[in-house]
Amino acid sequence: MKKSVLAVLVLGASLAVTGCFDKQETAQKVEAAKDATANAATQIKDAAKEVATDVKNAAIDAKDSAANKMAETKEAVADKASEMKDAAANKMAKAKDAVSSKMEEVKNAASEAKDAAADKAVEMKDAAANKMAEAKEAMSSKVEEVKNAASEAKDAAVAKVEEVKDEAANKMAEAKEAMSSKAKEVKNAASEAKDVAADKAAEVKEAVTK
């Protein structure tokens, strides 16, 4: 509205000035034109001041609006940053709890594995001890069997030697007796032969003497 009034005033002033250069116009029109121009200039000046005031006010309003907007934006950014910070803190807390829980699970699993390994080691140790005891007992039994077998073999060998010895003694006795008997037979035979020879010699001597 103010701009339209300003434009009309400028147009009126221009027409008034143009009319001053018309040689056919009267001095009254010239004076009227001067007054109109002065009035128009005053109105233009007032309108310009009003426009400048409006522009200044608009600039102040814009500045205030921008400041308010910046404040709102800054506050919104701060709120968002705080919200993101809280969300990140919650995420970190949850992640920390999850890691702590997982570490506890791993620790428990490791402890259970350690206990299981210890139990297995004890079980294997006991089994090995039992096996060693069984092997030792079996070896002791085997050694006893071998010892008994060796004793039996020794006794059998001693008995066999005694038997052979007795048999040899018997054989020697039989041989001695046989030799003694044979010697007697030979002695007797020799005595008989001697007697026969003596008899023969006597017979020959007697025959020669005759």
N, C-alpha and C. Protein backbone atom coordinates (compact mmCIF):
# COMPACT_ATOMS: atom_id res chain seq x y z
N MET A 1 0.83 -1.20 0.00
CA MET A 1 0.00 0.00 0.00
C MET A 1 0.86 1.24 0.00
N LYS A 2 1.88 1.27 0.84
CA LYS A 2 2.78 2.41 0.93
C LYS A 2 3.57 2.60 -0.35
N LYS A 3 3.95 1.52 -0.96
CA LYS A 3 4.69 1.58 -2.23
C LYS A 3 3.81 2.15 -3.32
N SER A 4 2.52 1.77 -3.33
CA SER A 4 1.59 2.28 -4.36
C SER A 4 1.39 3.79 -4.21
N VAL A 5 1.23 4.26 -2.98
CA VAL A 5 1.07 5.72 -2.73
C VAL A 5 2.31 6.45 -3.16
N LEU A 6 3.48 5.89 -2.85
CA LEU A 6 4.74 6.51 -3.24
C LEU A 6 4.85 6.62 -4.75
N ALA A 7 4.41 5.57 -5.45
CA ALA A 7 4.47 5.58 -6.91
C ALA A 7 3.54 6.64 -7.49
N VAL A 8 2.34 6.77 -6.93
CA VAL A 8 1.38 7.78 -7.42
C VAL A 8 1.92 9.18 -7.20
N LEU A 9 2.55 9.40 -6.04
CA LEU A 9 3.11 10.72 -5.75
C LEU A 9 4.24 11.08 -6.71
N VAL A 10 5.09 10.10 -6.98
CA VAL A 10 6.20 10.32 -7.93
C VAL A 10 5.66 10.63 -9.32
N LEU A 11 4.60 9.90 -9.74
CA LEU A 11 4.02 10.13 -11.06
C LEU A 11 3.39 11.52 -11.13
N GLY A 12 2.70 11.95 -10.04
CA GLY A 12 2.07 13.27 -10.02
C GLY A 12 3.10 14.38 -10.10
N ALA A 13 4.21 14.17 -9.37
CA ALA A 13 5.29 15.16 -9.38
C ALA A 13 5.91 15.27 -10.74
N SER A 14 6.08 14.12 -11.40
CA SER A 14 6.66 14.13 -12.76
C SER A 14 5.77 14.88 -13.71
N LEU A 15 4.46 14.65 -13.64
CA LEU A 15 3.52 15.34 -14.53
C LEU A 15 3.52 16.83 -14.24
N ALA A 16 3.63 17.15 -12.97
CA ALA A 16 3.64 18.58 -12.61
C ALA A 16 4.87 19.26 -13.15
N VAL A 17 6.01 18.57 -13.07
CA VAL A 17 7.26 19.15 -13.60
C VAL A 17 7.18 19.29 -15.10
N THR A 18 6.62 18.27 -15.73
CA THR A 18 6.50 18.32 -17.20
C THR A 18 5.61 19.50 -17.63
N GLY A 19 4.57 19.72 -16.83
CA GLY A 19 3.65 20.82 -17.17
C GLY A 19 4.33 22.19 -17.07
N CYS A 20 5.39 22.33 -16.29
CA CYS A 20 6.08 23.61 -16.12
C CYS A 20 6.77 24.05 -17.40
N PHE A 21 7.13 23.06 -18.20
CA PHE A 21 7.85 23.40 -19.44
C PHE A 21 6.93 23.62 -20.63
N ASP A 22 5.65 23.57 -20.34
CA ASP A 22 4.70 23.85 -21.43
C ASP A 22 4.48 25.37 -21.51
N LYS A 23 4.84 25.92 -22.65
CA LYS A 23 4.75 27.38 -22.82
C LYS A 23 3.32 27.88 -22.78
N GLN A 24 2.36 27.03 -23.04
CA GLN A 24 0.96 27.43 -23.12
C GLN A 24 0.29 27.47 -21.75
N GLU A 25 0.97 26.92 -20.65
CA GLU A 25 0.36 26.87 -19.33
C GLU A 25 0.53 28.23 -18.66
N THR A 26 -0.27 28.52 -17.78
CA THR A 26 -0.28 29.81 -17.10
C THR A 26 0.62 29.79 -15.89
N ALA A 27 0.92 30.91 -15.35
CA ALA A 27 1.80 31.03 -14.19
C ALA A 27 1.17 30.37 -12.98
N GLN A 28 -0.16 30.34 -12.92
CA GLN A 28 -0.83 29.67 -11.80
C GLN A 28 -0.57 28.17 -11.77
N LYS A 29 -0.58 27.62 -12.98
CA LYS A 29 -0.32 26.18 -13.07
C LYS A 29 1.12 25.88 -12.64
N VAL A 30 2.00 26.87 -13.00
CA VAL A 30 3.41 26.66 -12.63
C VAL A 30 3.53 26.69 -11.11
N GLU A 31 2.86 27.66 -10.51
CA GLU A 31 2.92 27.75 -9.06
C GLU A 31 2.29 26.53 -8.40
N ALA A 32 1.16 26.11 -8.97
CA ALA A 32 0.50 24.91 -8.45
C ALA A 32 1.40 23.69 -8.57
N ALA A 33 2.10 23.67 -9.70
CA ALA A 33 3.00 22.54 -9.92
C ALA A 33 4.12 22.55 -8.90
N LYS A 34 4.61 23.78 -8.60
CA LYS A 34 5.69 23.87 -7.62
C LYS A 34 5.20 23.37 -6.26
N ASP A 35 3.96 23.87 -5.91
CA ASP A 35 3.42 23.41 -4.63
C ASP A 35 3.22 21.89 -4.61
N ALA A 36 2.71 21.41 -5.75
CA ALA A 36 2.47 19.95 -5.83
C ALA A 36 3.79 19.19 -5.72
N THR A 37 4.84 19.79 -6.37
CA THR A 37 6.16 19.11 -6.33
C THR A 37 6.70 19.11 -4.92
N ALA A 38 6.52 20.32 -4.25
CA ALA A 38 7.02 20.40 -2.88
C ALA A 38 6.28 19.41 -1.99
N ASN A 39 4.96 19.40 -2.15
CA ASN A 39 4.17 18.46 -1.37
C ASN A 39 4.57 17.01 -1.67
N ALA A 40 4.76 16.80 -3.00
CA ALA A 40 5.15 15.43 -3.39
C ALA A 40 6.50 15.07 -2.81
N ALA A 41 7.43 16.04 -2.81
CA ALA A 41 8.76 15.76 -2.26
C ALA A 41 8.66 15.46 -0.78
N THR A 42 7.82 16.26 -0.10
CA THR A 42 7.65 16.04 1.34
C THR A 42 7.04 14.66 1.60
N GLN A 43 6.02 14.34 0.78
CA GLN A 43 5.37 13.03 0.94
C GLN A 43 6.35 11.88 0.63
N ILE A 44 7.17 12.17 -0.44
CA ILE A 44 8.15 11.14 -0.81
C ILE A 44 9.15 10.93 0.32
N LYS A 45 9.57 12.09 0.89
CA LYS A 45 10.55 12.01 1.98
C LYS A 45 9.95 11.27 3.18
N ASP A 46 8.69 11.63 3.50
CA ASP A 46 8.03 10.95 4.62
C ASP A 46 7.85 9.46 4.33
N ALA A 47 7.43 9.20 3.06
CA ALA A 47 7.24 7.79 2.68
C ALA A 47 8.55 7.03 2.75
N ALA A 48 9.65 7.73 2.30
CA ALA A 48 10.97 7.08 2.33
C ALA A 48 11.37 6.79 3.76
N LYS A 49 11.11 7.78 4.66
CA LYS A 49 11.43 7.56 6.06
C LYS A 49 10.63 6.39 6.62
N GLU A 50 9.34 6.37 6.23
CA GLU A 50 8.48 5.29 6.71
C GLU A 50 8.95 3.94 6.20
N VAL A 51 9.32 3.98 4.89
CA VAL A 51 9.83 2.73 4.29
C VAL A 51 11.11 2.30 4.99
N ALA A 52 12.02 3.29 5.25
CA ALA A 52 13.29 2.96 5.92
C ALA A 52 13.02 2.40 7.30
N THR A 53 12.03 3.04 7.99
CA THR A 53 11.67 2.53 9.32
C THR A 53 11.14 1.11 9.22
N ASP A 54 10.25 0.91 8.22
CA ASP A 54 9.70 -0.45 8.04
C ASP A 54 10.81 -1.46 7.74
N VAL A 55 11.75 -1.04 6.86
CA VAL A 55 12.87 -1.94 6.51
C VAL A 55 13.71 -2.25 7.73
N LYS A 56 13.96 -1.17 8.53
CA LYS A 56 14.76 -1.35 9.74
C LYS A 56 14.05 -2.29 10.71
N ASN A 57 12.73 -2.03 10.86
CA ASN A 57 11.96 -2.90 11.76
C ASN A 57 11.94 -4.34 11.26
N ALA A 58 11.78 -4.43 9.90
CA ALA A 58 11.79 -5.79 9.31
C ALA A 58 13.13 -6.48 9.54
N ALA A 59 14.23 -5.67 9.40
CA ALA A 59 15.56 -6.24 9.62
C ALA A 59 15.72 -6.68 11.07
N ILE A 60 15.21 -5.82 11.99
CA ILE A 60 15.29 -6.18 13.41
C ILE A 60 14.48 -7.44 13.70
N ASP A 61 13.24 -7.44 13.09
CA ASP A 61 12.41 -8.65 13.27
C ASP A 61 13.10 -9.89 12.72
N ALA A 62 13.72 -9.70 11.52
CA ALA A 62 14.42 -10.83 10.90
C ALA A 62 15.58 -11.29 11.77
N LYS A 63 16.31 -10.27 12.32
CA LYS A 63 17.45 -10.58 13.18
C LYS A 63 16.98 -11.33 14.42
N ASP A 64 15.89 -10.78 15.04
CA ASP A 64 15.36 -11.43 16.23
C ASP A 64 14.87 -12.84 15.91
N SER A 65 14.19 -12.94 14.75
CA SER A 65 13.69 -14.26 14.34
C SER A 65 14.84 -15.23 14.11
N ALA A 66 15.90 -14.68 13.42
CA ALA A 66 17.08 -15.53 13.18
C ALA A 66 17.73 -15.94 14.49
N ALA A 67 17.82 -14.94 15.43
CA ALA A 67 18.42 -15.25 16.73
C ALA A 67 17.60 -16.31 17.46
N ASN A 68 16.25 -16.12 17.41
CA ASN A 68 15.38 -17.11 18.05
C ASN A 68 15.53 -18.48 17.40
N LYS A 69 15.62 -18.45 16.06
CA LYS A 69 15.77 -19.69 15.30
C LYS A 69 17.09 -20.37 15.66
N MET A 70 18.16 -19.52 15.73
CA MET A 70 19.46 -20.06 16.10
C MET A 70 19.43 -20.65 17.51
N ALA A 71 18.75 -19.91 18.41
CA ALA A 71 18.64 -20.41 19.78
C ALA A 71 17.88 -21.73 19.82
N GLU A 72 16.75 -21.75 19.04
CA GLU A 72 15.97 -23.00 18.97
C GLU A 72 16.80 -24.13 18.38
N THR A 73 17.52 -23.77 17.29
CA THR A 73 18.35 -24.80 16.63
C THR A 73 19.44 -25.29 17.57
N LYS A 74 20.09 -24.31 18.26
CA LYS A 74 21.15 -24.67 19.20
C LYS A 74 20.61 -25.56 20.32
N GLU A 75 19.42 -25.19 20.82
CA GLU A 75 18.80 -25.99 21.88
C GLU A 75 18.42 -27.38 21.38
N ALA A 76 17.88 -27.40 20.11
CA ALA A 76 17.52 -28.70 19.53
C ALA A 76 18.75 -29.56 19.33
N VAL A 77 19.85 -28.90 18.85
CA VAL A 77 21.10 -29.65 18.65
C VAL A 77 21.62 -30.16 19.99
N ALA A 78 21.56 -29.30 21.02
CA ALA A 78 22.02 -29.71 22.35
C ALA A 78 21.18 -30.88 22.86
N ASP A 79 19.84 -30.77 22.67
CA ASP A 79 18.95 -31.86 23.10
C ASP A 79 19.28 -33.15 22.35
N LYS A 80 19.48 -33.00 21.04
CA LYS A 80 19.79 -34.17 20.21
C LYS A 80 21.13 -34.78 20.63
N ALA A 81 22.12 -33.89 20.88
CA ALA A 81 23.43 -34.37 21.31
C ALA A 81 23.32 -35.09 22.65
N SER A 82 22.53 -34.50 23.57
CA SER A 82 22.34 -35.14 24.87
C SER A 82 21.64 -36.49 24.72
N GLU A 83 20.61 -36.49 23.82
CA GLU A 83 19.89 -37.74 23.57
C GLU A 83 20.81 -38.80 22.98
N MET A 84 21.65 -38.36 21.99
CA MET A 84 22.60 -39.30 21.37
C MET A 84 23.64 -39.77 22.38
N LYS A 85 24.07 -38.83 23.26
CA LYS A 85 25.03 -39.19 24.29
C LYS A 85 24.45 -40.23 25.25
N ASP A 86 23.19 -39.97 25.65
CA ASP A 86 22.52 -40.93 26.55
C ASP A 86 22.33 -42.29 25.86
N ALA A 87 21.93 -42.22 24.56
CA ALA A 87 21.75 -43.47 23.81
C ALA A 87 23.06 -44.22 23.69
N ALA A 88 24.16 -43.45 23.39
CA ALA A 88 25.47 -44.09 23.28
C ALA A 88 25.90 -44.68 24.62
N ALA A 89 25.61 -43.93 25.72
CA ALA A 89 25.96 -44.44 27.05
C ALA A 89 25.19 -45.72 27.35
N ASN A 90 23.90 -45.74 26.98
CA ASN A 90 23.10 -46.95 27.19
C ASN A 90 23.63 -48.12 26.37
N LYS A 91 23.99 -47.79 25.09
CA LYS A 91 24.55 -48.84 24.23
C LYS A 91 25.86 -49.38 24.82
N MET A 92 26.71 -48.46 25.29
CA MET A 92 27.98 -48.88 25.88
C MET A 92 27.74 -49.72 27.14
N ALA A 93 26.76 -49.29 27.95
CA ALA A 93 26.45 -50.05 29.17
C ALA A 93 25.96 -51.45 28.82
N LYS A 94 25.05 -51.52 27.80
CA LYS A 94 24.54 -52.83 27.37
C LYS A 94 25.68 -53.69 26.82
N ALA A 95 26.55 -53.05 25.99
CA ALA A 95 27.67 -53.80 25.42
C ALA A 95 28.61 -54.28 26.51
N LYS A 96 28.85 -53.40 27.52
CA LYS A 96 29.72 -53.78 28.64
C LYS A 96 29.11 -54.94 29.42
N ASP A 97 27.79 -54.86 29.66
CA ASP A 97 27.11 -55.95 30.37
C ASP A 97 27.18 -57.25 29.57
N ALA A 98 26.99 -57.11 28.24
CA ALA A 98 27.03 -58.31 27.38
C ALA A 98 28.42 -58.93 27.40
N VAL A 99 29.46 -58.06 27.31
CA VAL A 99 30.84 -58.57 27.33
C VAL A 99 31.14 -59.20 28.69
N SER A 100 30.69 -58.53 29.76
CA SER A 100 30.91 -59.08 31.10
C SER A 100 30.22 -60.43 31.26
N SER A 101 28.97 -60.51 30.75
CA SER A 101 28.23 -61.78 30.83
C SER A 101 28.93 -62.87 30.02
N LYS A 102 29.41 -62.48 28.81
CA LYS A 102 30.09 -63.45 27.96
C LYS A 102 31.40 -63.90 28.61
N MET A 103 32.13 -62.95 29.20
CA MET A 103 33.37 -63.29 29.89
C MET A 103 33.10 -64.25 31.05
N GLU A 104 32.00 -64.00 31.75
CA GLU A 104 31.64 -64.88 32.86
C GLU A 104 31.32 -66.28 32.35
N GLU A 105 30.60 -66.34 31.21
CA GLU A 105 30.29 -67.64 30.61
C GLU A 105 31.57 -68.37 30.21
N VAL A 106 32.49 -67.61 29.56
CA VAL A 106 33.77 -68.22 29.14
C VAL A 106 34.55 -68.69 30.36
N LYS A 107 34.55 -67.86 31.41
CA LYS A 107 35.27 -68.22 32.64
C LYS A 107 34.68 -69.49 33.26
N ASN A 108 33.34 -69.55 33.30
CA ASN A 108 32.68 -70.74 33.85
C ASN A 108 32.97 -71.97 32.99
N ALA A 109 32.94 -71.77 31.65
CA ALA A 109 33.23 -72.90 30.75
C ALA A 109 34.66 -73.38 30.95
N ALA A 110 35.60 -72.42 31.08
CA ALA A 110 37.00 -72.79 31.30
C ALA A 110 37.16 -73.53 32.63
N SER A 111 36.46 -73.04 33.68
CA SER A 111 36.52 -73.71 34.98
C SER A 111 35.96 -75.12 34.91
N GLU A 112 34.81 -75.26 34.20
CA GLU A 112 34.21 -76.59 34.03
C GLU A 112 35.15 -77.51 33.25
N ALA A 113 35.78 -76.96 32.19
CA ALA A 113 36.71 -77.77 31.39
C ALA A 113 37.91 -78.19 32.24
N LYS A 114 38.39 -77.25 33.09
CA LYS A 114 39.52 -77.56 33.97
C LYS A 114 39.14 -78.67 34.95
N ASP A 115 37.94 -78.54 35.55
CA ASP A 115 37.48 -79.56 36.49
C ASP A 115 37.31 -80.91 35.79
N ALA A 116 36.74 -80.86 34.57
CA ALA A 116 36.56 -82.11 33.81
C ALA A 116 37.91 -82.75 33.49
N ALA A 117 38.89 -81.90 33.10
CA ALA A 117 40.23 -82.42 32.79
C ALA A 117 40.87 -83.02 34.04
N ALA A 118 40.68 -82.32 35.19
CA ALA A 118 41.24 -82.84 36.45
C ALA A 118 40.60 -84.18 36.80
N ASP A 119 39.27 -84.27 36.66
CA ASP A 119 38.57 -85.52 36.95
C ASP A 119 39.05 -86.63 36.00
N LYS A 120 39.22 -86.27 34.74
CA LYS A 120 39.68 -87.25 33.75
C LYS A 120 41.08 -87.72 34.08
N ALA A 121 41.94 -86.77 34.50
CA ALA A 121 43.31 -87.12 34.86
C ALA A 121 43.32 -88.07 36.06
N VAL A 122 42.48 -87.77 37.06
CA VAL A 122 42.39 -88.65 38.24
C VAL A 122 41.88 -90.02 37.82
N GLU A 123 40.86 -90.02 36.95
CA GLU A 123 40.30 -91.29 36.47
C GLU A 123 41.35 -92.10 35.72
N MET A 124 42.11 -91.42 34.83
CA MET A 124 43.16 -92.10 34.07
C MET A 124 44.26 -92.61 35.00
N LYS A 125 44.59 -91.77 36.02
CA LYS A 125 45.62 -92.17 36.98
C LYS A 125 45.18 -93.42 37.74
N ASP A 126 43.92 -93.41 38.19
CA ASP A 126 43.39 -94.58 38.91
C ASP A 126 43.36 -95.82 38.01
N ALA A 127 42.93 -95.59 36.74
CA ALA A 127 42.90 -96.73 35.80
C ALA A 127 44.30 -97.27 35.57
N ALA A 128 45.28 -96.35 35.41
CA ALA A 128 46.66 -96.79 35.20
C ALA A 128 47.18 -97.53 36.42
N ALA A 129 46.84 -97.01 37.63
CA ALA A 129 47.27 -97.68 38.86
C ALA A 129 46.66 -99.08 38.95
N ASN A 130 45.38 -99.18 38.60
CA ASN A 130 44.72 -100.49 38.62
C ASN A 130 45.36 -101.46 37.63
N LYS A 131 45.65 -100.91 36.42
CA LYS A 131 46.29 -101.74 35.40
C LYS A 131 47.66 -102.21 35.87
N MET A 132 48.43 -101.28 36.49
CA MET A 132 49.75 -101.64 36.99
C MET A 132 49.64 -102.69 38.09
N ALA A 133 48.64 -102.51 38.96
CA ALA A 133 48.45 -103.49 40.03
C ALA A 133 48.09 -104.85 39.45
N GLU A 134 47.19 -104.85 38.45
CA GLU A 134 46.80 -106.11 37.81
C GLU A 134 48.01 -106.76 37.13
N ALA A 135 48.80 -105.90 36.41
CA ALA A 135 49.98 -106.43 35.72
C ALA A 135 50.98 -106.98 36.72
N LYS A 136 51.17 -106.23 37.85
CA LYS A 136 52.11 -106.68 38.87
C LYS A 136 51.65 -108.01 39.48
N GLU A 137 50.34 -108.08 39.76
CA GLU A 137 49.78 -109.31 40.31
C GLU A 137 49.92 -110.47 39.34
N ALA A 138 49.64 -110.16 38.04
CA ALA A 138 49.77 -111.21 37.02
C ALA A 138 51.22 -111.67 36.91
N MET A 139 52.16 -110.69 36.95
CA MET A 139 53.58 -111.05 36.86
C MET A 139 54.00 -111.86 38.08
N SER A 140 53.52 -111.43 39.25
CA SER A 140 53.85 -112.17 40.47
C SER A 140 53.32 -113.60 40.39
N SER A 141 52.08 -113.73 39.90
CA SER A 141 51.49 -115.06 39.75
C SER A 141 52.28 -115.89 38.75
N LYS A 142 52.70 -115.22 37.64
CA LYS A 142 53.45 -115.94 36.61
C LYS A 142 54.80 -116.37 37.14
N VAL A 143 55.44 -115.43 37.88
CA VAL A 143 56.75 -115.76 38.47
C VAL A 143 56.60 -116.94 39.44
N GLU A 144 55.51 -116.91 40.21
CA GLU A 144 55.27 -118.01 41.15
C GLU A 144 55.08 -119.32 40.39
N GLU A 145 54.32 -119.24 39.27
CA GLU A 145 54.13 -120.44 38.45
C GLU A 145 55.46 -120.95 37.91
N VAL A 146 56.27 -119.99 37.39
CA VAL A 146 57.58 -120.38 36.84
C VAL A 146 58.46 -120.97 37.94
N LYS A 147 58.40 -120.31 39.13
CA LYS A 147 59.19 -120.79 40.26
C LYS A 147 58.77 -122.20 40.65
N ASN A 148 57.43 -122.37 40.72
CA ASN A 148 56.92 -123.71 41.06
C ASN A 148 57.30 -124.73 40.00
N ALA A 149 57.18 -124.31 38.73
CA ALA A 149 57.55 -125.22 37.64
C ALA A 149 59.03 -125.57 37.71
N ALA A 150 59.87 -124.54 38.02
CA ALA A 150 61.32 -124.78 38.13
C ALA A 150 61.61 -125.72 39.31
N SER A 151 60.89 -125.50 40.44
CA SER A 151 61.08 -126.38 41.59
C SER A 151 60.66 -127.81 41.27
N GLU A 152 59.51 -127.89 40.58
CA GLU A 152 59.04 -129.22 40.17
C GLU A 152 60.04 -129.88 39.22
N ALA A 153 60.56 -129.04 38.28
CA ALA A 153 61.54 -129.60 37.33
C ALA A 153 62.81 -130.02 38.06
N LYS A 154 63.21 -129.19 39.05
CA LYS A 154 64.40 -129.53 39.84
C LYS A 154 64.18 -130.83 40.58
N ASP A 155 63.02 -130.91 41.24
CA ASP A 155 62.71 -132.15 41.98
C ASP A 155 62.68 -133.34 41.04
N ALA A 156 62.06 -133.13 39.86
CA ALA A 156 62.01 -134.22 38.88
C ALA A 156 63.41 -134.60 38.42
N ALA A 157 64.26 -133.55 38.23
CA ALA A 157 65.64 -133.83 37.78
C ALA A 157 66.42 -134.58 38.87
N VAL A 158 66.22 -134.11 40.12
CA VAL A 158 66.91 -134.79 41.24
C VAL A 158 66.43 -136.24 41.33
N ALA A 159 65.10 -136.41 41.18
CA ALA A 159 64.56 -137.77 41.23
C ALA A 159 65.09 -138.61 40.09
N LYS A 160 65.20 -137.99 38.93
CA LYS A 160 65.70 -138.72 37.76
C LYS A 160 67.16 -139.10 37.96
N VAL A 161 67.94 -138.14 38.48
CA VAL A 161 69.36 -138.41 38.74
C VAL A 161 69.49 -139.54 39.77
N GLU A 162 68.65 -139.46 40.80
CA GLU A 162 68.68 -140.50 41.83
C GLU A 162 68.32 -141.85 41.24
N GLU A 163 67.29 -141.78 40.35
CA GLU A 163 66.88 -143.02 39.70
C GLU A 163 67.98 -143.59 38.82
N VAL A 164 68.61 -142.67 38.05
CA VAL A 164 69.72 -143.12 37.18
C VAL A 164 70.88 -143.65 38.02
N LYS A 165 71.13 -142.90 39.14
CA LYS A 165 72.21 -143.31 40.03
C LYS A 165 71.96 -144.71 40.60
N ASP A 166 70.70 -144.90 41.07
CA ASP A 166 70.34 -146.20 41.62
C ASP A 166 70.43 -147.29 40.56
N GLU A 167 69.95 -146.94 39.37
CA GLU A 167 70.00 -147.93 38.28
C GLU A 167 71.44 -148.25 37.91
N ALA A 168 72.29 -147.20 37.89
CA ALA A 168 73.72 -147.44 37.57
C ALA A 168 74.36 -148.29 38.66
N ALA A 169 74.00 -147.97 39.91
CA ALA A 169 74.56 -148.77 41.02
C ALA A 169 74.14 -150.23 40.89
N ASN A 170 72.87 -150.42 40.57
CA ASN A 170 72.38 -151.77 40.38
C ASN A 170 73.12 -152.48 39.24
N LYS A 171 73.28 -151.71 38.15
CA LYS A 171 73.98 -152.28 37.00
C LYS A 171 75.42 -152.63 37.36
N MET A 172 76.06 -151.72 38.13
CA MET A 172 77.44 -151.96 38.54
C MET A 172 77.51 -153.19 39.45
N ALA A 173 76.51 -153.26 40.35
CA ALA A 173 76.49 -154.42 41.26
C ALA A 173 76.31 -155.70 40.47
N GLU A 174 75.36 -155.67 39.53
CA GLU A 174 75.12 -156.85 38.69
C GLU A 174 76.36 -157.20 37.89
N ALA A 175 77.00 -156.13 37.34
CA ALA A 175 78.21 -156.39 36.55
C ALA A 175 79.32 -156.95 37.42
N LYS A 176 79.46 -156.39 38.68
CA LYS A 176 80.49 -156.86 39.59
C LYS A 176 80.24 -158.32 39.97
N GLU A 177 78.95 -158.57 40.26
CA GLU A 177 78.59 -159.94 40.62
C GLU A 177 78.83 -160.89 39.46
N ALA A 178 78.46 -160.40 38.25
CA ALA A 178 78.68 -161.23 37.06
C ALA A 178 80.16 -161.48 36.83
N MET A 179 80.96 -160.40 37.03
CA MET A 179 82.41 -160.54 36.85
C MET A 179 83.00 -161.46 37.90
N SER A 180 82.47 -161.30 39.13
CA SER A 180 82.97 -162.19 40.21
C SER A 180 82.63 -163.64 39.90
N SER A 181 81.40 -163.83 39.43
CA SER A 181 80.98 -165.18 39.09
C SER A 181 81.81 -165.72 37.93
N LYS A 182 82.05 -164.85 36.98
CA LYS A 182 82.83 -165.24 35.80
C LYS A 182 84.27 -165.55 36.21
N ALA A 183 84.76 -164.71 37.13
CA ALA A 183 86.15 -164.92 37.61
C ALA A 183 86.25 -166.26 38.30
N LYS A 184 85.21 -166.59 39.10
CA LYS A 184 85.20 -167.88 39.78
C LYS A 184 85.18 -169.01 38.75
N GLU A 185 84.33 -168.80 37.76
CA GLU A 185 84.24 -169.82 36.71
C GLU A 185 85.58 -170.00 36.02
N VAL A 186 86.21 -168.83 35.72
CA VAL A 186 87.53 -168.90 35.05
C VAL A 186 88.54 -169.55 35.96
N LYS A 187 88.49 -169.21 37.28
CA LYS A 187 89.43 -169.78 38.24
C LYS A 187 89.22 -171.29 38.36
N ASN A 188 87.96 -171.60 38.43
CA ASN A 188 87.64 -173.02 38.50
C ASN A 188 88.08 -173.75 37.24
N ALA A 189 87.80 -173.09 36.13
CA ALA A 189 88.20 -173.70 34.86
C ALA A 189 89.70 -173.82 34.78
N ALA A 190 90.39 -172.79 35.28
CA ALA A 190 91.87 -172.83 35.27
C ALA A 190 92.37 -173.94 36.19
N SER A 191 91.71 -174.06 37.36
CA SER A 191 92.12 -175.10 38.31
C SER A 191 91.87 -176.48 37.71
N GLU A 192 90.70 -176.56 37.05
CA GLU A 192 90.39 -177.84 36.42
C GLU A 192 91.39 -178.13 35.30
N ALA A 193 91.72 -177.09 34.56
CA ALA A 193 92.68 -177.27 33.46
C ALA A 193 94.04 -177.65 34.02
N LYS A 194 94.38 -177.02 35.15
CA LYS A 194 95.67 -177.34 35.77
C LYS A 194 95.68 -178.79 36.22
N ASP A 195 94.56 -179.16 36.84
CA ASP A 195 94.46 -180.54 37.31
C ASP A 195 94.53 -181.50 36.12
N VAL A 196 93.83 -181.15 35.06
CA VAL A 196 93.85 -182.01 33.87
C VAL A 196 95.24 -182.08 33.30
N ALA A 197 95.90 -180.91 33.29
CA ALA A 197 97.28 -180.86 32.75
C ALA A 197 98.20 -181.68 33.62
N ALA A 198 97.98 -181.58 34.95
CA ALA A 198 98.83 -182.36 35.87
C ALA A 198 98.59 -183.86 35.66
N ASP A 199 97.33 -184.18 35.52
CA ASP A 199 97.00 -185.58 35.27
C ASP A 199 97.61 -186.05 33.96
N LYS A 200 97.53 -185.25 32.98
CA LYS A 200 98.09 -185.61 31.67
C LYS A 200 99.60 -185.74 31.77
N ALA A 201 100.21 -184.82 32.53
CA ALA A 201 101.68 -184.86 32.69
C ALA A 201 102.05 -186.13 33.43
N ALA A 202 101.28 -186.51 34.44
CA ALA A 202 101.58 -187.71 35.20
C ALA A 202 101.41 -188.91 34.29
N GLU A 203 100.36 -188.89 33.49
CA GLU A 203 100.13 -189.99 32.60
C GLU A 203 101.28 -190.12 31.60
N VAL A 204 101.73 -188.99 31.11
CA VAL A 204 102.83 -189.01 30.10
C VAL A 204 104.09 -189.49 30.78
N LYS A 205 104.32 -189.00 32.00
CA LYS A 205 105.53 -189.38 32.72
C LYS A 205 105.49 -190.87 32.99
N GLU A 206 104.38 -191.36 33.40
CA GLU A 206 104.24 -192.77 33.71
C GLU A 206 104.41 -193.61 32.45
N ALA A 207 103.89 -193.10 31.38
CA ALA A 207 103.99 -193.82 30.13
C ALA A 207 105.44 -193.84 29.65
N VAL A 208 106.11 -192.77 29.87
CA VAL A 208 107.52 -192.70 29.44
C VAL A 208 108.35 -193.60 30.31
N THR A 209 108.06 -193.70 31.53
CA THR A 209 108.83 -194.50 32.48
C THR A 209 108.68 -195.96 32.14
N LYS A 210 107.54 -196.38 31.81
CA LYS A 210 107.33 -197.75 31.45
C LYS A 210 108.07 -198.08 30.19
